[in-house]
C-alpha atoms as a PDB file:
ATOM      1  CA  MET A   1      31.427 -31.968  -4.071  1.00  0.00           C
ATOM      2  CA  LYS A   2      32.592 -28.713  -2.793  1.00  0.00           C
ATOM      3  CA  GLY A   3      31.166 -27.350  -6.249  1.00  0.00           C
ATOM      4  CA  LEU A   4      27.967 -28.987  -5.662  1.00  0.00           C
ATOM      5  CA  MET A   5      27.745 -27.683  -2.128  1.00  0.00           C
ATOM      6  CA  SER A   6      28.357 -23.855  -3.505  1.00  0.00           C
ATOM      7  CA  TYR A   7      25.508 -24.436  -5.932  1.00  0.00           C
ATOM      8  CA  LEU A   8      23.170 -25.512  -3.465  1.00  0.00           C
ATOM      9  CA  LEU A   9      23.870 -22.678  -1.154  1.00  0.00           C
ATOM     10  CA  LEU A  10      23.569 -19.877  -3.927  1.00  0.00           C
ATOM     11  CA  PRO A  11      19.503 -20.060  -3.474  1.00  0.00           C
ATOM     12  CA  ILE A  12      19.873 -19.630   0.174  1.00  0.00           C
ATOM     13  CA  ILE A  13      22.526 -16.780   0.038  1.00  0.00           C
ATOM     14  CA  LEU A  14      20.224 -14.926  -2.709  1.00  0.00           C
ATOM     15  CA  PHE A  15      17.225 -15.286  -0.372  1.00  0.00           C
ATOM     16  CA  ILE A  16      18.846 -13.690   2.572  1.00  0.00           C
ATOM     17  CA  SER A  17      20.144 -11.014   0.276  1.00  0.00           C
ATOM     18  CA  LEU A  18      16.834 -10.032  -1.078  1.00  0.00           C
ATOM     19  CA  GLY A  19      15.081 -10.437   2.383  1.00  0.00           C
ATOM     20  CA  SER A  20      17.417  -7.880   3.840  1.00  0.00           C
ATOM     21  CA  GLY A  21      16.493  -5.004   1.322  1.00  0.00           C
ATOM     22  CA  GLN A  22      19.355  -5.719  -1.349  1.00  0.00           C
ATOM     23  CA  LYS A  23      18.892  -5.706  -5.192  1.00  0.00           C
ATOM     24  CA  GLU A  24      19.243  -8.500  -7.558  1.00  0.00           C
ATOM     25  CA  ALA A  25      20.524  -7.604 -10.989  1.00  0.00           C
ATOM     26  CA  GLY A  26      17.622  -6.671 -13.110  1.00  0.00           C
ATOM     27  CA  LYS A  27      15.025  -6.892 -10.283  1.00  0.00           C
ATOM     28  CA  ASP A  28      13.209  -4.438  -8.154  1.00  0.00           C
ATOM     29  CA  TYR A  29      14.019  -3.790  -4.516  1.00  0.00           C
ATOM     30  CA  VAL A  30      12.600  -6.343  -1.858  1.00  0.00           C
ATOM     31  CA  LEU A  31      11.430  -4.188   0.994  1.00  0.00           C
ATOM     32  CA  LYS A  32      11.109  -5.316   4.750  1.00  0.00           C
ATOM     33  CA  ASP A  33       9.232  -3.278   7.418  1.00  0.00           C
ATOM     34  CA  TYR A  34       9.930  -2.902  10.944  1.00  0.00           C
ATOM     35  CA  ASP A  35       7.619  -5.943  12.061  1.00  0.00           C
ATOM     36  CA  GLY A  36       9.757  -8.001   9.258  1.00  0.00           C
ATOM     37  CA  ASN A  37       7.128  -8.136   6.555  1.00  0.00           C
ATOM     38  CA  VAL A  38       8.725  -8.284   3.119  1.00  0.00           C
ATOM     39  CA  TYR A  39       7.184  -6.558   0.152  1.00  0.00           C
ATOM     40  CA  LYS A  40       7.712  -6.811  -3.574  1.00  0.00           C
ATOM     41  CA  THR A  41       8.349  -3.308  -5.304  1.00  0.00           C
ATOM     42  CA  ILE A  42       8.058  -2.064  -8.950  1.00  0.00           C
ATOM     43  CA  THR A  43       9.712   0.818 -10.898  1.00  0.00           C
ATOM     44  CA  ILE A  44       7.082   2.611 -12.647  1.00  0.00           C
ATOM     45  CA  GLY A  45       8.226   5.931 -14.613  1.00  0.00           C
ATOM     46  CA  GLY A  46      11.404   6.526 -12.461  1.00  0.00           C
ATOM     47  CA  GLN A  47       9.474   6.075  -9.201  1.00  0.00           C
ATOM     48  CA  THR A  48       9.956   2.877  -7.047  1.00  0.00           C
ATOM     49  CA  TRP A  49       6.689   1.849  -5.434  1.00  0.00           C
ATOM     50  CA  MET A  50       5.476  -1.097  -3.014  1.00  0.00           C
ATOM     51  CA  ALA A  51       3.741  -3.717  -5.296  1.00  0.00           C
ATOM     52  CA  GLU A  52       1.702  -4.634  -1.899  1.00  0.00           C
ATOM     53  CA  ASN A  53      -0.337  -2.768   0.631  1.00  0.00           C
ATOM     54  CA  LEU A  54       1.283  -1.632   3.697  1.00  0.00           C
ATOM     55  CA  LYS A  55       0.471  -3.873   6.983  1.00  0.00           C
ATOM     56  CA  VAL A  56       3.158  -2.834   9.365  1.00  0.00           C
ATOM     57  CA  THR A  57       1.785  -2.226  13.043  1.00  0.00           C
ATOM     58  CA  HIS A  58       4.646  -0.109  14.210  1.00  0.00           C
ATOM     59  CA  TYR A  59       6.119   3.125  13.112  1.00  0.00           C
ATOM     60  CA  ARG A  60       9.754   3.208  11.934  1.00  0.00           C
ATOM     61  CA  ASP A  61      11.138   3.813  15.578  1.00  0.00           C
ATOM     62  CA  GLY A  62       9.304   0.645  16.963  1.00  0.00           C
ATOM     63  CA  THR A  63       6.238   2.630  18.601  1.00  0.00           C
ATOM     64  CA  PRO A  64       3.249   0.273  18.178  1.00  0.00           C
ATOM     65  CA  ILE A  65       0.512   1.740  16.158  1.00  0.00           C
ATOM     66  CA  PRO A  66      -3.089   1.349  17.918  1.00  0.00           C
ATOM     67  CA  ASP A  67      -5.282  -1.143  16.392  1.00  0.00           C
ATOM     68  CA  VAL A  68      -8.486   0.324  16.894  1.00  0.00           C
ATOM     69  CA  PRO A  69     -11.760  -1.738  15.934  1.00  0.00           C
ATOM     70  CA  ASP A  70     -14.343  -0.014  17.901  1.00  0.00           C
ATOM     71  CA  GLU A  71     -16.365   2.501  15.808  1.00  0.00           C
ATOM     72  CA  ASP A  72     -16.871   5.208  18.514  1.00  0.00           C
ATOM     73  CA  THR A  73     -13.662   5.372  19.514  1.00  0.00           C
ATOM     74  CA  TRP A  74     -11.868   5.446  16.014  1.00  0.00           C
ATOM     75  CA  SER A  75     -14.361   8.116  14.723  1.00  0.00           C
ATOM     76  CA  LYS A  76     -12.733  10.674  17.776  1.00  0.00           C
ATOM     77  CA  LEU A  77      -9.322   9.892  17.253  1.00  0.00           C
ATOM     78  CA  THR A  78      -6.817  12.588  16.562  1.00  0.00           C
ATOM     79  CA  THR A  79      -3.774  10.348  16.803  1.00  0.00           C
ATOM     80  CA  GLY A  80      -2.425   7.579  14.622  1.00  0.00           C
ATOM     81  CA  ALA A  81      -4.376   4.129  14.218  1.00  0.00           C
ATOM     82  CA  LEU A  82      -4.705   1.127  11.965  1.00  0.00           C
ATOM     83  CA  CYS A  83      -7.701  -1.341  11.655  1.00  0.00           C
ATOM     84  CA  TRP A  84      -8.156  -4.595   9.663  1.00  0.00           C
ATOM     85  CA  MET A  85     -10.853  -5.881   7.394  1.00  0.00           C
ATOM     86  CA  GLU A  86     -13.278  -8.013   9.553  1.00  0.00           C
ATOM     87  CA  ASN A  87     -11.065  -7.110  12.590  1.00  0.00           C
ATOM     88  CA  ASP A  88      -9.189 -10.192  11.289  1.00  0.00           C
ATOM     89  CA  PRO A  89      -5.368  -9.619  10.598  1.00  0.00           C
ATOM     90  CA  SER A  90      -4.518 -13.379  10.077  1.00  0.00           C
ATOM     91  CA  THR A  91      -7.145 -13.746   7.458  1.00  0.00           C
ATOM     92  CA  TYR A  92      -6.911 -10.493   5.696  1.00  0.00           C
ATOM     93  CA  GLY A  93      -3.661  -8.740   6.647  1.00  0.00           C
ATOM     94  CA  ASP A  94      -1.513 -10.488   4.149  1.00  0.00           C
ATOM     95  CA  VAL A  95      -4.002 -10.057   1.306  1.00  0.00           C
ATOM     96  CA  TYR A  96      -5.204  -6.653   1.487  1.00  0.00           C
ATOM     97  CA  GLY A  97      -2.683  -4.999   4.157  1.00  0.00           C
ATOM     98  CA  ALA A  98      -3.862  -2.634   7.074  1.00  0.00           C
ATOM     99  CA  LEU A  99      -6.020   0.376   6.831  1.00  0.00           C
ATOM    100  CA  TYR A 100      -4.943   3.443   8.578  1.00  0.00           C
ATOM    101  CA  ASN A 101      -6.099   6.862   9.329  1.00  0.00           C
ATOM    102  CA  PHE A 102      -4.398   9.894   8.003  1.00  0.00           C
ATOM    103  CA  HIS A 103      -3.000  10.820  11.399  1.00  0.00           C
ATOM    104  CA  ALA A 104      -0.700   7.687  11.249  1.00  0.00           C
ATOM    105  CA  VAL A 105       0.255   8.782   7.676  1.00  0.00           C
ATOM    106  CA  VAL A 106       1.676  12.091   8.793  1.00  0.00           C
ATOM    107  CA  ASP A 107       3.186  11.017  12.197  1.00  0.00           C
ATOM    108  CA  ALA A 108       6.745  12.338  12.665  1.00  0.00           C
ATOM    109  CA  ARG A 109       7.728   8.496  13.563  1.00  0.00           C
ATOM    110  CA  ASN A 110       6.963   7.518  10.012  1.00  0.00           C
ATOM    111  CA  LEU A 111       5.013   4.717   8.903  1.00  0.00           C
ATOM    112  CA  CYS A 112       7.175   3.511   6.048  1.00  0.00           C
ATOM    113  CA  PRO A 113      10.756   1.814   6.444  1.00  0.00           C
ATOM    114  CA  ALA A 114      13.862   4.034   6.248  1.00  0.00           C
ATOM    115  CA  GLY A 115      14.399   5.508   2.560  1.00  0.00           C
ATOM    116  CA  TRP A 116      10.646   5.100   1.739  1.00  0.00           C
ATOM    117  CA  HIS A 117       7.700   7.532   2.401  1.00  0.00           C
ATOM    118  CA  VAL A 118       4.005   7.833   1.931  1.00  0.00           C
ATOM    119  CA  PRO A 119       3.451   9.515  -1.551  1.00  0.00           C
ATOM    120  CA  THR A 120       2.525  13.072  -2.062  1.00  0.00           C
ATOM    121  CA  ILE A 121      -0.176  14.169  -4.237  1.00  0.00           C
ATOM    122  CA  GLU A 122       2.519  15.110  -6.862  1.00  0.00           C
ATOM    123  CA  GLU A 123       3.977  11.861  -6.849  1.00  0.00           C
ATOM    124  CA  TRP A 124       0.495  10.089  -7.385  1.00  0.00           C
ATOM    125  CA  ARG A 125      -0.292  12.339 -10.064  1.00  0.00           C
ATOM    126  CA  THR A 126       3.219  11.537 -11.551  1.00  0.00           C
ATOM    127  CA  LEU A 127       2.163   7.896 -11.649  1.00  0.00           C
ATOM    128  CA  GLU A 128      -1.349   8.599 -12.819  1.00  0.00           C
ATOM    129  CA  ASN A 129       0.104  10.613 -15.994  1.00  0.00           C
ATOM    130  CA  TYR A 130       2.936   8.205 -16.743  1.00  0.00           C
ATOM    131  CA  LEU A 131       0.130   5.510 -16.984  1.00  0.00           C
ATOM    132  CA  GLY A 132      -1.950   7.499 -19.408  1.00  0.00           C
ATOM    133  CA  GLY A 133      -3.882   9.985 -17.288  1.00  0.00           C
ATOM    134  CA  LYS A 134      -6.958   9.329 -14.827  1.00  0.00           C
ATOM    135  CA  GLU A 135      -9.068   7.671 -17.517  1.00  0.00           C
ATOM    136  CA  ALA A 136      -6.792   4.953 -18.171  1.00  0.00           C
ATOM    137  CA  ALA A 137      -4.416   4.312 -15.335  1.00  0.00           C
ATOM    138  CA  GLY A 138      -6.657   2.422 -13.124  1.00  0.00           C
ATOM    139  CA  GLY A 139      -6.931  -0.617 -15.402  1.00  0.00           C
ATOM    140  CA  LYS A 140      -3.137  -0.574 -15.788  1.00  0.00           C
ATOM    141  CA  MET A 141      -2.756  -0.757 -12.114  1.00  0.00           C
ATOM    142  CA  LYS A 142      -5.329  -3.350 -11.053  1.00  0.00           C
ATOM    143  CA  ASP A 143      -4.457  -6.815 -10.359  1.00  0.00           C
ATOM    144  CA  PHE A 144      -6.548  -9.186 -11.972  1.00  0.00           C
ATOM    145  CA  ALA A 145      -4.804 -12.481 -11.627  1.00  0.00           C
ATOM    146  CA  SER A 146      -5.881 -13.111  -7.911  1.00  0.00           C
ATOM    147  CA  SER A 147      -9.599 -12.863  -8.728  1.00  0.00           C
ATOM    148  CA  LEU A 148     -10.073 -10.647  -5.817  1.00  0.00           C
ATOM    149  CA  TRP A 149     -11.854  -8.064  -7.571  1.00  0.00           C
ATOM    150  CA  LYS A 150     -15.753  -9.255  -7.306  1.00  0.00           C
ATOM    151  CA  ILE A 151     -16.546  -7.120 -10.266  1.00  0.00           C
ATOM    152  CA  LYS A 152     -14.881  -8.239 -13.291  1.00  0.00           C
ATOM    153  CA  HIS A 153     -13.108  -5.390 -15.442  1.00  0.00           C
ATOM    154  CA  LEU A 154     -12.218  -6.473 -18.780  1.00  0.00           C
ATOM    155  CA  GLY A 155      -9.794  -3.842 -19.339  1.00  0.00           C
ATOM    156  CA  ALA A 156      -7.760  -4.684 -16.323  1.00  0.00           C
ATOM    157  CA  SER A 157      -4.036  -5.557 -17.372  1.00  0.00           C
ATOM    158  CA  ASN A 158      -1.856  -4.786 -14.404  1.00  0.00           C
ATOM    159  CA  GLU A 159       0.487  -3.752 -17.125  1.00  0.00           C
ATOM    160  CA  SER A 160       2.252  -1.562 -14.736  1.00  0.00           C
ATOM    161  CA  GLY A 161       2.780  -4.223 -11.943  1.00  0.00           C
ATOM    162  CA  PHE A 162       1.356  -2.058  -9.357  1.00  0.00           C
ATOM    163  CA  SER A 163      -0.865  -5.061  -8.469  1.00  0.00           C
ATOM    164  CA  ALA A 164      -3.638  -3.084  -6.833  1.00  0.00           C
ATOM    165  CA  VAL A 165      -6.109  -5.235  -4.769  1.00  0.00           C
ATOM    166  CA  PRO A 166      -9.642  -4.424  -3.729  1.00  0.00           C
ATOM    167  CA  ALA A 167      -9.053  -3.776   0.113  1.00  0.00           C
ATOM    168  CA  GLY A 168     -12.138  -1.449   0.555  1.00  0.00           C
ATOM    169  CA  GLY A 169     -11.927   0.937   3.352  1.00  0.00           C
ATOM    170  CA  ARG A 170     -13.278   2.697   6.474  1.00  0.00           C
ATOM    171  CA  GLY A 171     -15.217   5.671   6.841  1.00  0.00           C
ATOM    172  CA  GLN A 172     -15.108   8.269   9.757  1.00  0.00           C
ATOM    173  CA  LEU A 173     -18.058   6.521  11.101  1.00  0.00           C
ATOM    174  CA  GLY A 174     -18.576   2.712  10.800  1.00  0.00           C
ATOM    175  CA  SER A 175     -16.527  -0.167  10.369  1.00  0.00           C
ATOM    176  CA  PRO A 176     -14.149  -1.508   7.688  1.00  0.00           C
ATOM    177  CA  GLY A 177     -16.046  -2.735   4.479  1.00  0.00           C
ATOM    178  CA  ASP A 178     -16.122  -2.843   0.538  1.00  0.00           C
ATOM    179  CA  TYR A 179     -13.101  -5.014   0.347  1.00  0.00           C
ATOM    180  CA  GLY A 180     -13.367  -6.994  -3.106  1.00  0.00           C
ATOM    181  CA  TYR A 181     -14.880  -3.750  -4.706  1.00  0.00           C
ATOM    182  CA  TYR A 182     -12.670  -0.740  -3.968  1.00  0.00           C
ATOM    183  CA  ALA A 183      -8.978   0.175  -3.779  1.00  0.00           C
ATOM    184  CA  THR A 184      -8.168   3.244  -2.154  1.00  0.00           C
ATOM    185  CA  TRP A 185      -4.580   4.715  -0.884  1.00  0.00           C
ATOM    186  CA  TRP A 186      -3.702   7.597   1.163  1.00  0.00           C
ATOM    187  CA  SER A 187      -1.550  10.576  -0.242  1.00  0.00           C
ATOM    188  CA  SER A 188       0.600  12.377   2.529  1.00  0.00           C
ATOM    189  CA  THR A 189      -0.863  15.718   1.470  1.00  0.00           C
ATOM    190  CA  SER A 190      -3.551  17.621   3.415  1.00  0.00           C
ATOM    191  CA  HIS A 191      -6.492  19.377   1.710  1.00  0.00           C
ATOM    192  CA  ASP A 192      -7.777  21.340   4.698  1.00  0.00           C
ATOM    193  CA  ALA A 193      -7.854  20.730   8.224  1.00  0.00           C
ATOM    194  CA  ASP A 194     -10.147  17.983   8.291  1.00  0.00           C
ATOM    195  CA  PHE A 195      -9.755  16.287   4.744  1.00  0.00           C
ATOM    196  CA  ALA A 196      -6.500  14.803   2.844  1.00  0.00           C
ATOM    197  CA  TRP A 197      -6.165  13.543  -0.832  1.00  0.00           C
ATOM    198  CA  HIS A 198      -6.460  10.097  -1.397  1.00  0.00           C
ATOM    199  CA  TRP A 199      -6.506   8.072  -4.766  1.00  0.00           C
ATOM    200  CA  GLY A 200      -8.622   5.127  -5.708  1.00  0.00           C
ATOM    201  CA  LEU A 201      -9.968   2.559  -8.230  1.00  0.00           C
ATOM    202  CA  HIS A 202     -13.776   1.559  -9.131  1.00  0.00           C
ATOM    203  CA  PRO A 203     -14.325  -2.417  -9.606  1.00  0.00           C
ATOM    204  CA  ASP A 204     -15.636  -1.859 -13.105  1.00  0.00           C
ATOM    205  CA  LYS A 205     -13.762   0.910 -14.502  1.00  0.00           C
ATOM    206  CA  ALA A 206     -10.126   1.865 -16.032  1.00  0.00           C
ATOM    207  CA  ASP A 207     -10.023   5.325 -14.518  1.00  0.00           C
ATOM    208  CA  ILE A 208      -8.254   6.304 -11.172  1.00  0.00           C
ATOM    209  CA  ARG A 209     -10.087   9.029  -9.083  1.00  0.00           C
ATOM    210  CA  SER A 210      -8.424  11.256  -6.344  1.00  0.00           C
ATOM    211  CA  ASN A 211     -10.362  13.495  -4.153  1.00  0.00           C
ATOM    212  CA  PRO A 212     -10.238  14.635  -0.332  1.00  0.00           C
ATOM    213  CA  GLY A 213     -11.216  12.324   2.286  1.00  0.00           C
ATOM    214  CA  HIS A 214     -11.829  12.935   5.769  1.00  0.00           C
ATOM    215  CA  LYS A 215      -8.614  12.294   8.052  1.00  0.00           C
ATOM    216  CA  ALA A 216     -10.560  10.022   9.953  1.00  0.00           C
ATOM    217  CA  SER A 217     -11.003   7.361   7.412  1.00  0.00           C
ATOM    218  CA  GLY A 218      -9.176   4.391   7.084  1.00  0.00           C
ATOM    219  CA  PHE A 219      -7.432   3.772   3.972  1.00  0.00           C
ATOM    220  CA  SER A 220      -4.620   1.519   2.321  1.00  0.00           C
ATOM    221  CA  VAL A 221      -1.012   3.027   2.210  1.00  0.00           C
ATOM    222  CA  ARG A 222       1.533   2.432  -0.817  1.00  0.00           C
ATOM    223  CA  CYS A 223       5.373   3.609   0.155  1.00  0.00           C
ATOM    224  CA  VAL A 224       7.281   5.074  -2.460  1.00  0.00           C
ATOM    225  CA  LYS A 225      11.327   5.163  -2.251  1.00  0.00           C
ATOM    226  CA  ASP A 226      12.934   8.346  -1.697  1.00  0.00           C
ATOM    227  CA  ARG A 227      14.686  10.112  -4.349  1.00  0.00           C
ATOM    228  CA  SER A 228      18.676  10.091  -3.767  1.00  0.00           C
END
């Protein structure tokens, strides 16, 4: 009986271990944010990335990140904020994560859990190059099993395990939209006073694009693990 109980308790012990950010032999880290959300992660070319979009509503120190659905208020912000597709986190939060403006990305209180950070332009380029360059990387990153992409791309393989979902985005003016069609993530690197670098995927192409976006835009965030 004692041996049986030990066997039955093993999955429970393992679950607790993974939920607290430990590592199972042969598996990538499972990451937990301030809110208690747990994320799958994946190691790609020596970098360990979140394999899901961030959805935390507090900075690392516990300060709340304002949720700003109003279009006029959003457009004038010079401080960190987030929003949700259709202003409905209960429906879309777990699927797509939150959209953050760039001010939240570079806030000194940190979006990502301890030991993790929003990737720089150089870290995004390292990922892009490892996956075959900008013409091929997107197809290797794109989740196809969930059927969330509304336009099918036959070259999508997700062989990297990045599991990109089409979370859409939010411009400087307007409300969140384009979910099902585009995936876009911030880097932590500014381009100039008004714009910062971001990376994104098209619905029907294998490439990955990178260009400056307005800092008042709302894009997804993937955290990458600090180098030890």
